[in-house]
């Protein structure tokens, strides 16, 4: 099976209206923007490379913020852009899962 992208990254960018925990309250939008810009700056975006996408709720709100990398289906949490940079460098560039951030 061939994949259009080597890695397809989805960020939960759901905002809960009832005030309960959600990824958007934990910096997900800024992390998404940072990863998208960084991947583009590094020339990693495009066919056969990396795609960064917005997603709705992953229904794991208490574990957020969350992103998931396919085709491996690796679920990550993150605190700041340093974590995002580590995911880019380790997983997207070198193919190594960042175990400390896996949920």
N, C-alpha and C. Protein backbone atom coordinates (compact mmCIF):
# COMPACT_ATOMS: atom_id res chain seq x y z
N UNK A 1 0.84 -1.18 0.00
CA UNK A 1 0.00 0.00 0.00
C UNK A 1 0.89 1.25 0.00
N UNK A 2 0.62 2.16 -0.88
CA UNK A 2 1.38 3.40 -0.91
C UNK A 2 0.57 4.51 -0.25
N UNK A 3 1.29 5.44 0.30
CA UNK A 3 0.66 6.57 0.98
C UNK A 3 1.00 7.84 0.21
N UNK A 4 0.02 8.72 0.11
CA UNK A 4 0.24 9.99 -0.58
C UNK A 4 1.25 10.85 0.18
N UNK A 5 1.18 10.78 1.52
CA UNK A 5 2.13 11.49 2.37
C UNK A 5 2.91 10.47 3.18
N UNK A 6 4.19 10.76 3.41
CA UNK A 6 4.97 9.89 4.29
C UNK A 6 4.40 9.95 5.70
N UNK A 7 4.09 11.18 6.15
CA UNK A 7 3.47 11.39 7.46
C UNK A 7 2.30 12.36 7.29
N UNK A 8 1.19 12.03 7.91
CA UNK A 8 0.02 12.90 7.91
C UNK A 8 -0.29 13.18 9.38
N UNK A 9 -0.16 14.46 9.77
CA UNK A 9 -0.30 14.86 11.16
C UNK A 9 -1.63 15.58 11.35
N UNK A 10 -2.41 15.12 12.32
CA UNK A 10 -3.69 15.75 12.64
C UNK A 10 -3.63 16.33 14.05
N UNK A 11 -4.02 17.59 14.17
CA UNK A 11 -4.10 18.27 15.45
C UNK A 11 -5.56 18.39 15.87
N UNK A 12 -5.89 18.00 17.09
CA UNK A 12 -7.21 18.29 17.61
C UNK A 12 -7.28 19.79 17.89
N UNK A 13 -8.19 20.47 17.22
CA UNK A 13 -8.39 21.90 17.43
C UNK A 13 -9.83 22.18 17.85
N UNK A 14 -10.38 21.24 18.61
CA UNK A 14 -11.75 21.39 19.07
C UNK A 14 -11.85 22.37 20.23
N UNK A 15 -12.89 23.19 20.19
CA UNK A 15 -13.19 24.11 21.29
C UNK A 15 -14.53 23.69 21.87
N UNK A 16 -14.54 23.27 23.12
CA UNK A 16 -15.79 22.85 23.77
C UNK A 16 -16.54 24.07 24.27
N UNK A 17 -17.78 24.13 23.96
CA UNK A 17 -18.63 25.27 24.32
C UNK A 17 -19.05 25.24 25.79
N UNK A 18 -19.03 24.06 26.41
CA UNK A 18 -19.53 23.96 27.78
C UNK A 18 -18.47 24.25 28.84
N UNK A 19 -17.27 24.63 28.41
CA UNK A 19 -16.21 24.98 29.35
C UNK A 19 -15.40 23.80 29.85
N UNK A 20 -15.72 22.57 29.42
CA UNK A 20 -14.94 21.42 29.85
C UNK A 20 -13.61 21.38 29.09
N UNK A 21 -12.72 20.53 29.58
CA UNK A 21 -11.36 20.45 29.02
C UNK A 21 -11.37 20.23 27.52
N UNK A 22 -10.50 20.95 26.83
CA UNK A 22 -10.36 20.74 25.39
C UNK A 22 -8.97 21.17 24.95
N UNK A 23 -8.54 20.67 23.81
CA UNK A 23 -7.20 20.93 23.32
C UNK A 23 -6.96 22.42 23.01
N UNK A 24 -7.99 23.10 22.56
CA UNK A 24 -7.82 24.52 22.22
C UNK A 24 -7.46 25.36 23.44
N UNK A 25 -7.91 24.94 24.61
CA UNK A 25 -7.59 25.67 25.84
C UNK A 25 -6.15 25.42 26.29
N UNK A 26 -5.47 24.50 25.64
CA UNK A 26 -4.12 24.12 26.06
C UNK A 26 -3.07 24.42 25.00
N UNK A 27 -3.33 25.41 24.16
CA UNK A 27 -2.33 25.87 23.20
C UNK A 27 -2.25 25.11 21.90
N UNK A 28 -3.28 24.36 21.55
CA UNK A 28 -3.23 23.54 20.34
C UNK A 28 -3.12 24.38 19.06
N UNK A 29 -3.81 25.50 18.99
CA UNK A 29 -3.77 26.33 17.78
C UNK A 29 -2.37 26.87 17.52
N UNK A 30 -1.72 27.38 18.56
CA UNK A 30 -0.35 27.91 18.42
C UNK A 30 0.62 26.79 18.03
N UNK A 31 0.44 25.61 18.61
CA UNK A 31 1.31 24.48 18.28
C UNK A 31 1.10 24.05 16.83
N UNK A 32 -0.16 24.02 16.40
CA UNK A 32 -0.48 23.70 15.00
C UNK A 32 0.20 24.69 14.06
N UNK A 33 0.04 25.98 14.33
CA UNK A 33 0.65 27.02 13.49
C UNK A 33 2.17 26.87 13.45
N UNK A 34 2.76 26.57 14.60
CA UNK A 34 4.21 26.42 14.67
C UNK A 34 4.68 25.21 13.86
N UNK A 35 4.00 24.07 14.02
CA UNK A 35 4.42 22.88 13.28
C UNK A 35 4.24 23.09 11.78
N UNK A 36 3.13 23.65 11.37
CA UNK A 36 2.87 23.87 9.95
C UNK A 36 3.95 24.77 9.34
N UNK A 37 4.27 25.87 10.02
CA UNK A 37 5.30 26.80 9.53
C UNK A 37 6.68 26.15 9.53
N UNK A 38 6.99 25.40 10.57
CA UNK A 38 8.31 24.76 10.66
C UNK A 38 8.51 23.70 9.58
N UNK A 39 7.48 22.88 9.36
CA UNK A 39 7.55 21.84 8.33
C UNK A 39 7.74 22.49 6.96
N UNK A 40 7.04 23.57 6.71
CA UNK A 40 7.18 24.28 5.44
C UNK A 40 8.58 24.88 5.30
N UNK A 41 9.06 25.52 6.36
CA UNK A 41 10.39 26.15 6.34
C UNK A 41 11.49 25.11 6.09
N UNK A 42 11.30 23.91 6.63
CA UNK A 42 12.28 22.84 6.47
C UNK A 42 12.14 22.12 5.12
N UNK A 43 11.13 22.49 4.34
CA UNK A 43 10.92 21.85 3.04
C UNK A 43 10.39 20.44 3.14
N UNK A 44 9.71 20.14 4.25
CA UNK A 44 9.20 18.79 4.47
C UNK A 44 7.77 18.61 4.00
N UNK A 45 7.12 19.67 3.55
CA UNK A 45 5.71 19.59 3.18
C UNK A 45 5.53 19.18 1.73
N UNK A 46 4.39 18.57 1.45
CA UNK A 46 4.04 18.21 0.08
C UNK A 46 3.94 16.71 -0.13
N UNK A 47 3.60 16.35 -1.37
CA UNK A 47 3.43 14.94 -1.74
C UNK A 47 4.68 14.14 -1.40
N UNK A 48 4.44 12.95 -0.88
CA UNK A 48 5.50 12.03 -0.44
C UNK A 48 6.28 12.55 0.76
N UNK A 49 5.81 13.62 1.36
CA UNK A 49 6.49 14.18 2.53
C UNK A 49 5.52 14.26 3.69
N UNK A 50 5.29 15.47 4.21
CA UNK A 50 4.49 15.66 5.41
C UNK A 50 3.32 16.59 5.14
N UNK A 51 2.17 16.26 5.72
CA UNK A 51 0.99 17.12 5.66
C UNK A 51 0.51 17.35 7.09
N UNK A 52 0.28 18.63 7.43
CA UNK A 52 -0.24 19.00 8.75
C UNK A 52 -1.68 19.45 8.57
N UNK A 53 -2.61 18.82 9.29
CA UNK A 53 -4.03 19.13 9.15
C UNK A 53 -4.72 19.43 10.48
N UNK A 54 -5.77 20.24 10.38
CA UNK A 54 -6.68 20.49 11.50
C UNK A 54 -7.61 19.29 11.61
N UNK A 55 -8.04 19.02 12.83
CA UNK A 55 -9.03 17.97 13.04
C UNK A 55 -10.00 18.43 14.13
N UNK A 56 -11.14 17.79 14.15
CA UNK A 56 -12.11 18.02 15.20
C UNK A 56 -11.73 17.21 16.43
N UNK A 57 -12.68 17.02 17.29
CA UNK A 57 -12.43 16.36 18.57
C UNK A 57 -11.98 14.91 18.39
N UNK A 58 -10.94 14.54 19.14
CA UNK A 58 -10.46 13.16 19.16
C UNK A 58 -11.13 12.36 20.28
N UNK A 59 -11.94 13.02 21.09
CA UNK A 59 -12.65 12.39 22.21
C UNK A 59 -11.70 11.84 23.26
N UNK A 60 -10.57 12.52 23.43
CA UNK A 60 -9.60 12.18 24.49
C UNK A 60 -9.19 13.47 25.18
N UNK A 61 -10.17 14.32 25.45
CA UNK A 61 -9.94 15.69 25.90
C UNK A 61 -9.09 15.80 27.17
N UNK A 62 -9.25 14.88 28.08
CA UNK A 62 -8.50 14.93 29.33
C UNK A 62 -7.02 14.67 29.16
N UNK A 63 -6.61 14.17 27.99
CA UNK A 63 -5.21 13.86 27.74
C UNK A 63 -4.53 14.92 26.89
N UNK A 64 -5.25 15.96 26.53
CA UNK A 64 -4.77 16.95 25.57
C UNK A 64 -3.81 17.95 26.10
N UNK A 65 -3.26 18.74 25.22
CA UNK A 65 -3.55 18.78 23.79
C UNK A 65 -2.96 17.57 23.07
N UNK A 66 -3.57 17.24 21.94
CA UNK A 66 -3.18 16.03 21.23
C UNK A 66 -2.96 16.26 19.74
N UNK A 67 -2.04 15.47 19.20
CA UNK A 67 -1.89 15.34 17.76
C UNK A 67 -1.63 13.87 17.49
N UNK A 68 -1.92 13.44 16.28
CA UNK A 68 -1.68 12.04 15.91
C UNK A 68 -0.98 12.01 14.56
N UNK A 69 0.03 11.15 14.46
CA UNK A 69 0.82 11.02 13.24
C UNK A 69 0.48 9.69 12.56
N UNK A 70 0.02 9.78 11.33
CA UNK A 70 -0.28 8.60 10.52
C UNK A 70 0.77 8.48 9.42
N UNK A 71 1.07 7.29 8.93
CA UNK A 71 0.25 6.08 9.03
C UNK A 71 0.51 5.24 10.28
N UNK A 72 1.44 5.62 11.13
CA UNK A 72 1.75 4.80 12.31
C UNK A 72 0.71 4.92 13.42
N UNK A 73 -0.16 5.92 13.37
CA UNK A 73 -1.16 6.17 14.41
C UNK A 73 -0.51 6.37 15.77
N UNK A 74 0.52 7.22 15.80
CA UNK A 74 1.20 7.56 17.06
C UNK A 74 0.53 8.81 17.62
N UNK A 75 0.01 8.69 18.84
CA UNK A 75 -0.67 9.79 19.52
C UNK A 75 0.32 10.50 20.43
N UNK A 76 0.40 11.82 20.27
CA UNK A 76 1.29 12.63 21.09
C UNK A 76 0.52 13.69 21.85
N UNK A 77 1.03 14.01 23.03
CA UNK A 77 0.64 15.22 23.72
C UNK A 77 1.86 16.14 23.68
N UNK A 78 1.67 17.39 24.03
CA UNK A 78 2.76 18.37 23.98
C UNK A 78 2.44 19.50 24.93
N UNK A 79 3.49 20.19 25.36
CA UNK A 79 3.32 21.31 26.27
C UNK A 79 3.62 22.62 25.57
N UNK A 80 4.64 22.63 24.73
CA UNK A 80 5.09 23.88 24.12
C UNK A 80 5.75 23.61 22.76
N UNK A 81 6.27 24.67 22.15
CA UNK A 81 6.89 24.51 20.83
C UNK A 81 8.17 23.68 20.89
N UNK A 82 8.80 23.60 22.04
CA UNK A 82 9.98 22.72 22.15
C UNK A 82 9.57 21.26 21.93
N UNK A 83 8.42 20.87 22.48
CA UNK A 83 7.92 19.52 22.25
C UNK A 83 7.58 19.31 20.77
N UNK A 84 6.96 20.30 20.16
CA UNK A 84 6.62 20.22 18.73
C UNK A 84 7.89 20.08 17.90
N UNK A 85 8.91 20.88 18.22
CA UNK A 85 10.19 20.79 17.50
C UNK A 85 10.82 19.41 17.65
N UNK A 86 10.70 18.83 18.84
CA UNK A 86 11.25 17.49 19.07
C UNK A 86 10.50 16.44 18.24
N UNK A 87 9.19 16.57 18.14
CA UNK A 87 8.40 15.65 17.31
C UNK A 87 8.80 15.79 15.84
N UNK A 88 8.99 17.02 15.39
CA UNK A 88 9.41 17.24 14.00
C UNK A 88 10.76 16.58 13.75
N UNK A 89 11.74 16.92 14.59
CA UNK A 89 13.11 16.43 14.39
C UNK A 89 13.19 14.91 14.53
N UNK A 90 12.63 14.38 15.59
CA UNK A 90 12.76 12.95 15.86
C UNK A 90 11.86 12.10 14.95
N UNK A 91 10.55 12.42 14.93
CA UNK A 91 9.62 11.55 14.21
C UNK A 91 9.54 11.88 12.72
N UNK A 92 9.31 13.14 12.39
CA UNK A 92 9.08 13.50 10.98
C UNK A 92 10.35 13.52 10.15
N UNK A 93 11.48 13.85 10.77
CA UNK A 93 12.74 13.88 10.03
C UNK A 93 13.47 12.54 10.13
N UNK A 94 13.55 11.98 11.34
CA UNK A 94 14.37 10.79 11.56
C UNK A 94 13.60 9.49 11.77
N UNK A 95 12.27 9.56 11.78
CA UNK A 95 11.46 8.35 11.88
C UNK A 95 11.46 7.68 13.24
N UNK A 96 11.86 8.42 14.30
CA UNK A 96 11.91 7.85 15.65
C UNK A 96 10.81 8.47 16.51
N UNK A 97 9.98 7.62 17.09
CA UNK A 97 8.90 8.07 17.96
C UNK A 97 9.49 8.72 19.21
N UNK A 98 8.88 9.82 19.64
CA UNK A 98 9.29 10.51 20.88
C UNK A 98 8.47 9.88 22.00
N UNK A 99 9.02 8.84 22.60
CA UNK A 99 8.30 8.03 23.57
C UNK A 99 7.78 8.84 24.76
N UNK A 100 8.50 9.83 25.22
CA UNK A 100 8.09 10.58 26.40
C UNK A 100 6.82 11.39 26.17
N UNK A 101 6.45 11.61 24.92
CA UNK A 101 5.26 12.40 24.59
C UNK A 101 4.08 11.55 24.11
N UNK A 102 4.27 10.24 24.01
CA UNK A 102 3.22 9.35 23.52
C UNK A 102 2.14 9.17 24.60
N UNK A 103 0.88 9.23 24.15
CA UNK A 103 -0.25 8.96 25.06
C UNK A 103 -0.99 7.72 24.59
